[in-house]
Protein backbone atom coordinates (compact mmCIF):
# COMPACT_ATOMS: atom_id res chain seq x y z
CA UNK A 1 15.68 20.27 -21.13
CA UNK A 2 12.12 19.09 -20.49
CA UNK A 3 10.37 15.89 -21.57
CA UNK A 4 8.85 17.18 -24.77
CA UNK A 5 12.14 18.61 -26.07
CA UNK A 6 14.00 15.39 -25.26
CA UNK A 7 11.39 13.32 -27.13
CA UNK A 8 11.26 15.69 -30.10
CA UNK A 9 15.03 15.70 -30.44
CA UNK A 10 15.20 11.92 -30.36
CA UNK A 11 12.39 11.53 -32.90
CA UNK A 12 14.33 13.74 -35.30
CA UNK A 13 17.59 11.86 -34.73
CA UNK A 14 15.91 8.51 -35.44
CA UNK A 15 13.73 9.93 -38.25
CA UNK A 16 10.54 8.71 -36.58
CA UNK A 17 6.98 10.07 -36.60
CA UNK A 18 4.62 10.83 -33.73
CA UNK A 19 2.33 8.05 -34.85
CA UNK A 20 5.20 5.56 -34.51
CA UNK A 21 5.77 6.76 -30.95
CA UNK A 22 2.06 6.57 -30.15
CA UNK A 23 1.91 2.98 -31.33
CA UNK A 24 4.94 2.02 -29.25
CA UNK A 25 3.51 3.68 -26.12
CA UNK A 26 0.03 2.22 -26.80
CA UNK A 27 -1.67 5.62 -26.65
CA UNK A 28 -3.42 7.82 -29.19
CA UNK A 29 -1.50 10.04 -31.59
CA UNK A 30 -3.55 12.98 -30.27
CA UNK A 31 -2.21 12.41 -26.77
CA UNK A 32 1.41 12.37 -27.98
CA UNK A 33 0.75 15.56 -29.95
CA UNK A 34 -0.67 17.36 -26.90
CA UNK A 35 2.21 16.11 -24.74
CA UNK A 36 4.84 17.37 -27.22
CA UNK A 37 3.15 20.77 -27.68
CA UNK A 38 2.91 21.35 -23.95
CA UNK A 39 -0.89 21.28 -23.84
CA UNK A 40 -0.74 18.39 -21.37
CA UNK A 41 1.43 18.11 -18.30
CA UNK A 42 3.65 15.00 -18.38
CA UNK A 43 2.12 12.30 -16.17
CA UNK A 44 3.72 11.43 -12.85
CA UNK A 45 6.44 8.85 -13.42
CA UNK A 46 5.50 6.61 -10.50
CA UNK A 47 1.95 6.12 -11.78
CA UNK A 48 2.53 5.13 -15.37
CA UNK A 49 4.56 2.89 -17.65
CA UNK A 50 4.61 5.32 -20.57
CA UNK A 51 8.17 6.57 -19.96
CA UNK A 52 9.55 3.02 -20.00
CA UNK A 53 7.79 2.31 -23.30
CA UNK A 54 8.87 5.60 -24.91
CA UNK A 55 12.42 5.37 -23.58
CA UNK A 56 12.84 1.83 -24.89
CA UNK A 57 11.44 2.81 -28.29
CA UNK A 58 13.69 5.89 -28.57
CA UNK A 59 16.72 4.02 -27.15
CA UNK A 60 17.18 6.44 -24.28
CA UNK A 61 18.94 5.66 -20.96
CA UNK A 62 16.53 4.01 -18.48
CA UNK A 63 14.91 6.53 -16.15
CA UNK A 64 15.95 9.64 -18.11
CA UNK A 65 12.46 10.64 -19.23
CA UNK A 66 10.95 9.90 -15.82
CA UNK A 67 13.51 12.16 -14.13
CA UNK A 68 12.84 14.99 -16.59
CA UNK A 69 9.08 14.58 -16.12
CA UNK A 70 9.30 14.73 -12.33
CA UNK A 71 11.38 17.92 -12.49
CA UNK A 72 8.97 19.54 -14.94
CA UNK A 73 5.95 18.62 -12.83
CA UNK A 74 7.51 20.10 -9.70
CA UNK A 75 8.11 23.41 -11.44
CA UNK A 76 4.53 23.60 -12.71
CA UNK A 77 3.07 22.63 -9.34
CA UNK A 78 5.15 25.32 -7.62
CA UNK A 79 3.64 27.96 -9.92
CA UNK A 80 0.11 26.71 -9.22
CA UNK A 81 0.55 26.30 -5.47
CA UNK A 82 -0.90 29.68 -4.54
CA UNK A 83 -4.04 29.32 -6.67
CA UNK A 84 -7.18 28.81 -4.52
CA UNK A 85 -8.91 25.41 -4.90
CA UNK A 86 -11.81 25.36 -7.33
CA UNK A 87 -15.11 23.71 -6.46
CA UNK A 88 -16.02 20.41 -8.07
CA UNK A 89 -17.95 20.21 -11.30
CA UNK A 90 -21.66 19.73 -10.70
CA UNK A 91 -21.51 16.46 -12.63
CA UNK A 92 -18.84 15.16 -10.26
CA UNK A 93 -20.84 15.99 -7.16
CA UNK A 94 -23.99 14.45 -8.64
CA UNK A 95 -22.18 11.20 -9.37
CA UNK A 96 -20.63 11.03 -5.90
CA UNK A 97 -24.01 11.57 -4.25
CA UNK A 98 -25.67 9.06 -6.56
CA UNK A 99 -23.16 6.39 -5.53
CA UNK A 100 -23.79 7.02 -1.81
CA UNK A 101 -25.82 4.30 -0.08
CA UNK A 102 -29.55 5.22 -0.11
CA UNK A 103 -29.82 5.51 3.65
CA UNK A 104 -27.18 8.24 3.82
CA UNK A 105 -27.59 10.12 0.54
CA UNK A 106 -30.03 12.73 1.83
CA UNK A 107 -27.93 13.46 4.93
CA UNK A 108 -24.71 13.76 2.94
CA UNK A 109 -26.37 15.97 0.32
CA UNK A 110 -27.38 18.49 3.01
CA UNK A 111 -23.78 18.67 4.25
CA UNK A 112 -22.36 19.06 0.73
CA UNK A 113 -24.78 21.87 -0.08
CA UNK A 114 -24.21 23.61 3.25
CA UNK A 115 -20.42 23.43 2.86
CA UNK A 116 -19.65 23.36 -0.89
CA UNK A 117 -16.32 21.61 -1.42
CA UNK A 118 -15.87 21.50 2.33
CA UNK A 119 -13.82 19.04 4.36
CA UNK A 120 -16.26 16.13 4.04
CA UNK A 121 -16.75 16.51 0.29
CA UNK A 122 -13.02 16.70 -0.33
CA UNK A 123 -12.38 13.66 1.91
CA UNK A 124 -14.99 11.49 0.20
CA UNK A 125 -13.93 12.57 -3.29
CA UNK A 126 -10.24 11.97 -2.64
CA UNK A 127 -10.77 8.54 -1.10
CA UNK A 128 -12.97 7.43 -3.98
CA UNK A 129 -10.27 8.62 -6.37
CA UNK A 130 -7.51 6.87 -4.40
CA UNK A 131 -9.32 3.54 -4.51
CA UNK A 132 -10.15 3.68 -8.21
CA UNK A 133 -6.70 5.01 -9.12
CA UNK A 134 -5.16 2.08 -7.26
CA UNK A 135 -7.23 -0.33 -9.35
CA UNK A 136 -6.44 1.53 -12.58
CA UNK A 137 -2.70 1.48 -11.87
CA UNK A 138 -2.72 -2.24 -11.01
CA UNK A 139 -4.66 -3.11 -14.15
CA UNK A 140 -2.85 -0.79 -16.56
CA UNK A 141 -0.88 -3.70 -18.01
CA UNK A 142 -3.93 -5.96 -18.36
CA UNK A 143 -5.22 -5.79 -21.91
CA UNK A 144 -8.27 -7.87 -20.99
CA UNK A 145 -9.28 -5.48 -18.21
CA UNK A 146 -8.65 -2.41 -20.36
CA UNK A 147 -10.75 -3.83 -23.20
CA UNK A 148 -13.59 -4.57 -20.75
CA UNK A 149 -13.65 -1.01 -19.37
CA UNK A 150 -13.24 0.43 -22.86
CA UNK A 151 -16.35 -1.43 -24.05
CA UNK A 152 -18.34 -0.15 -21.07
CA UNK A 153 -17.36 3.45 -21.81
CA UNK A 154 -17.47 3.23 -25.61
CA UNK A 155 -13.77 3.93 -26.16
CA UNK A 156 -10.90 2.30 -28.04
CA UNK A 157 -8.14 0.43 -26.24
CA UNK A 158 -5.59 3.21 -26.95
CA UNK A 159 -8.02 5.93 -25.86
CA UNK A 160 -8.63 3.99 -22.66
CA UNK A 161 -4.91 3.92 -21.88
CA UNK A 162 -4.73 7.67 -22.42
CA UNK A 163 -7.69 8.18 -20.08
CA UNK A 164 -5.95 6.15 -17.37
CA UNK A 165 -2.71 8.12 -17.73
CA UNK A 166 -4.62 11.36 -17.26
CA UNK A 167 -6.84 9.97 -14.51
CA UNK A 168 -3.84 8.84 -12.44
CA UNK A 169 -2.84 12.52 -12.12
CA UNK A 170 -6.29 13.61 -10.92
CA UNK A 171 -7.09 14.59 -7.35
CA UNK A 172 -10.03 16.13 -5.50
CA UNK A 173 -9.09 19.58 -6.79
CA UNK A 174 -8.95 18.82 -10.50
CA UNK A 175 -11.07 15.73 -11.15
CA UNK A 176 -13.13 16.17 -14.31
CA UNK A 177 -16.53 15.02 -15.47
CA UNK A 178 -14.71 12.87 -18.05
CA UNK A 179 -12.82 11.10 -15.24
CA UNK A 180 -16.10 10.34 -13.55
CA UNK A 181 -17.69 8.95 -16.69
CA UNK A 182 -14.66 6.78 -17.51
CA UNK A 183 -13.76 5.45 -14.04
CA UNK A 184 -15.85 6.43 -11.02
CA UNK A 185 -19.12 5.62 -12.75
CA UNK A 186 -18.32 2.06 -13.94
CA UNK A 187 -15.95 0.97 -11.14
CA UNK A 188 -17.68 2.20 -7.98
CA UNK A 189 -20.79 0.34 -6.90
CA UNK A 190 -21.48 2.34 -3.73
CA UNK A 191 -19.87 4.05 -0.75
CA UNK A 192 -20.83 4.72 2.85
CA UNK A 193 -19.29 6.77 5.65
CA UNK A 194 -19.66 6.81 9.43
CA UNK A 195 -19.71 10.50 10.25
CA UNK A 196 -18.71 9.98 13.89
CA UNK A 197 -15.40 8.28 13.01
CA UNK A 198 -15.05 8.99 9.28
CA UNK A 199 -14.80 5.24 8.75
CA UNK A 200 -15.59 4.70 5.07
CA UNK A 201 -16.67 1.66 3.06
CA UNK A 202 -16.26 1.60 -0.70
CA UNK A 203 -17.77 -1.25 -2.74
CA UNK A 204 -16.37 -1.77 -6.23
CA UNK A 205 -18.04 -3.27 -9.29
CA UNK A 206 -17.76 -7.05 -8.85
CA UNK A 207 -17.93 -7.65 -12.60
CA UNK A 208 -14.77 -5.64 -13.26
CA UNK A 209 -12.77 -6.03 -10.06
CA UNK A 210 -12.07 -9.33 -8.26
CA UNK A 211 -12.55 -9.07 -4.52
CA UNK A 212 -14.97 -6.22 -5.10
CA UNK A 213 -15.76 -5.27 -1.48
CA UNK A 214 -13.15 -3.04 0.12
CA UNK A 215 -13.39 -1.18 3.42
CA UNK A 216 -11.22 1.77 4.33
CA UNK A 217 -11.09 3.13 7.88
CA UNK A 218 -9.82 6.65 8.43
CA UNK A 219 -9.55 6.50 12.21
CA UNK A 220 -6.38 6.34 14.28
CA UNK A 221 -5.52 2.78 15.23
CA UNK A 222 -2.59 1.07 16.86
CA UNK A 223 0.11 -0.65 14.84
CA UNK A 224 -0.82 -4.11 13.61
CA UNK A 225 0.62 -6.88 15.72
CA UNK A 226 3.05 -9.19 13.94
CA UNK A 227 2.99 -12.96 14.26
CA UNK A 228 4.20 -14.38 17.56
CA UNK A 229 7.91 -15.10 17.72
CA UNK A 230 8.76 -18.85 17.55
CA UNK A 231 11.00 -18.49 20.59
CA UNK A 232 8.14 -17.09 22.64
CA UNK A 233 5.86 -19.92 21.52
CA UNK A 234 8.42 -22.50 22.63
CA UNK A 235 8.93 -20.71 25.94
CA UNK A 236 5.20 -20.66 26.71
CA UNK A 237 5.02 -24.40 25.93
CA UNK A 238 8.08 -25.30 28.02
CA UNK A 239 7.22 -27.26 31.20
CA UNK A 240 7.34 -24.75 34.03
CA UNK A 241 8.58 -21.96 31.75
CA UNK A 242 5.55 -19.76 32.03
CA UNK A 243 4.00 -21.25 35.14
CA UNK A 244 2.57 -18.45 37.24
CA UNK A 245 3.01 -15.84 34.51
CA UNK A 246 0.17 -13.36 34.54
CA UNK A 247 -1.70 -12.24 31.46
CA UNK A 248 -0.07 -8.83 31.79
CA UNK A 249 3.41 -10.38 31.83
CA UNK A 250 2.68 -12.52 28.77
CA UNK A 251 1.31 -9.49 26.88
CA UNK A 252 4.52 -7.65 27.76
CA UNK A 253 6.61 -10.45 26.26
CA UNK A 254 4.43 -10.54 23.14
CA UNK A 255 4.92 -6.81 22.67
CA UNK A 256 8.73 -7.01 22.45
CA UNK A 257 10.16 -6.23 18.97
CA UNK A 258 13.61 -7.20 17.64
CA UNK A 259 14.02 -5.70 14.11
CA UNK A 260 14.41 -8.99 12.27
CA UNK A 261 16.16 -10.92 15.03
CA UNK A 262 14.54 -14.01 16.57
CA UNK A 263 15.30 -14.55 20.27
CA UNK A 264 15.47 -18.00 21.85
CA UNK A 265 13.10 -19.33 24.55
CA UNK A 266 15.87 -18.71 27.08
CA UNK A 267 15.81 -15.01 26.24
CA UNK A 268 12.12 -14.81 27.14
CA UNK A 269 12.72 -16.67 30.36
CA UNK A 270 15.42 -14.16 31.34
CA UNK A 271 13.24 -11.23 30.27
CA UNK A 272 10.46 -12.51 32.53
CA UNK A 273 12.98 -13.03 35.32
CA UNK A 274 14.19 -9.44 34.95
CA UNK A 275 10.61 -8.23 34.97
CA UNK A 276 10.02 -9.93 38.31
CA UNK A 277 13.39 -9.21 39.90
CA UNK A 278 12.86 -7.02 43.01
CA UNK A 279 16.27 -5.43 42.45
CA UNK A 280 14.95 -3.95 39.20
CA UNK A 281 11.58 -2.77 40.46
CA UNK A 282 12.21 -2.39 44.20
CA UNK A 283 9.73 -5.15 44.99
CA UNK A 284 10.71 -7.03 48.20
CA UNK A 285 7.65 -9.13 48.76
CA UNK A 286 7.92 -12.80 49.65
CA UNK A 287 5.93 -13.75 46.56
CA UNK A 288 8.46 -12.09 44.29
CA UNK A 289 11.37 -13.91 45.92
CA UNK A 290 9.58 -17.27 45.70
CA UNK A 291 8.87 -16.64 42.01
CA UNK A 292 12.51 -15.89 41.40
CA UNK A 293 13.70 -19.08 43.12
CA UNK A 294 11.23 -21.08 41.05
CA UNK A 295 12.43 -19.43 37.85
CA UNK A 296 16.05 -20.21 38.75
CA UNK A 297 15.15 -23.90 38.62
CA UNK A 298 13.41 -23.42 35.28
CA UNK A 299 16.47 -21.65 33.86
CA UNK A 300 18.74 -24.53 34.82
CA UNK A 301 16.34 -26.99 33.18
CA UNK A 302 16.11 -24.93 29.98
CA UNK A 303 19.89 -24.62 29.79
CA UNK A 304 20.20 -28.39 30.27
CA UNK A 305 17.62 -29.02 27.52
CA UNK A 306 19.48 -26.66 25.22
CA UNK A 307 22.77 -28.46 25.81
CA UNK A 308 21.16 -31.83 25.15
CA UNK A 309 19.78 -30.63 21.83
CA UNK A 310 23.20 -29.22 20.88
CA UNK A 311 24.86 -32.55 21.68
CA UNK A 312 22.30 -34.46 19.60
CA UNK A 313 22.87 -32.11 16.63
CA UNK A 314 26.63 -32.50 16.98
CA UNK A 315 26.39 -36.26 17.13
CA UNK A 316 24.13 -36.37 14.09
CA UNK A 317 26.38 -34.09 12.02
CA UNK A 318 29.52 -36.05 12.89
CA UNK A 319 28.13 -39.53 12.29
CA UNK A 320 29.44 -41.08 9.05
CA UNK A 321 26.54 -42.95 7.47
CA UNK A 322 28.89 -44.96 5.27
CA UNK A 323 30.24 -48.20 6.74
CA UNK A 324 33.87 -49.09 6.18
CA UNK A 325 34.31 -51.65 3.48
CA UNK A 326 36.42 -54.70 4.36
CA UNK A 327 38.67 -56.24 1.80
């Protein structure tokens, strides 16, 4: 059973009309009609709230319609997989070039015309779509935002929701001129790209989107460094703990990862000691041995400090703040 048959069957069982379903899902009756006749492919479940609204209205088990929709979409996409990609509509390309920063538009236009729907054009189109689709998905539940965009495009609130549902399924291979008019045109202020690195900057309409400037870099970078472990911070501050540690050794300690665990300062001391131990790295220089002897003294001091803190905690936890009453 596919989505449309499941919905039709439930409408009949509950003696409901398509217009009732459209009102509950906050879309147009025309959209529901096209969905139930198979003229429109069911939207992807992860990008829309329509299945939750319809399922609740029809009293269906949570997630049933979304599962049916995902299965149906996979079957359709399999059948279309071997079809060659079609070039963009002229209106789409014109809009994309018009939104390009003035200093780059001429250069980008030459590339687009030399390689119609080539790698660069597909990259730019898809990234513009990804950014705007992210905004549309985040704001789908905001009536205020939807009404604002609807006024800019001359549509009703329900028609705007339908447009978003269809737009969220668009990609560089099937984006329409209607998608451009409804979303790319009002939401994108400008875009720029660095052809040497493919670093791309997309600026969104500040009137419609808070935090309007967004920059997207499509170059390979290293993993973002997390915040420094508290234990490492304490170790570096401990008197004598990091004395003589080189920048390379400290960077090594900072680069250690523990999958949610938080090591103590003593762990970092021992890790540094292991790093310097000549038995581990076959280093028999006098400097290495002197460093090890110095670190032995630091270890004893850190252990002593740790014991003192434990004793203070124990004493505090076992002290009865109430005084005995005498009678």
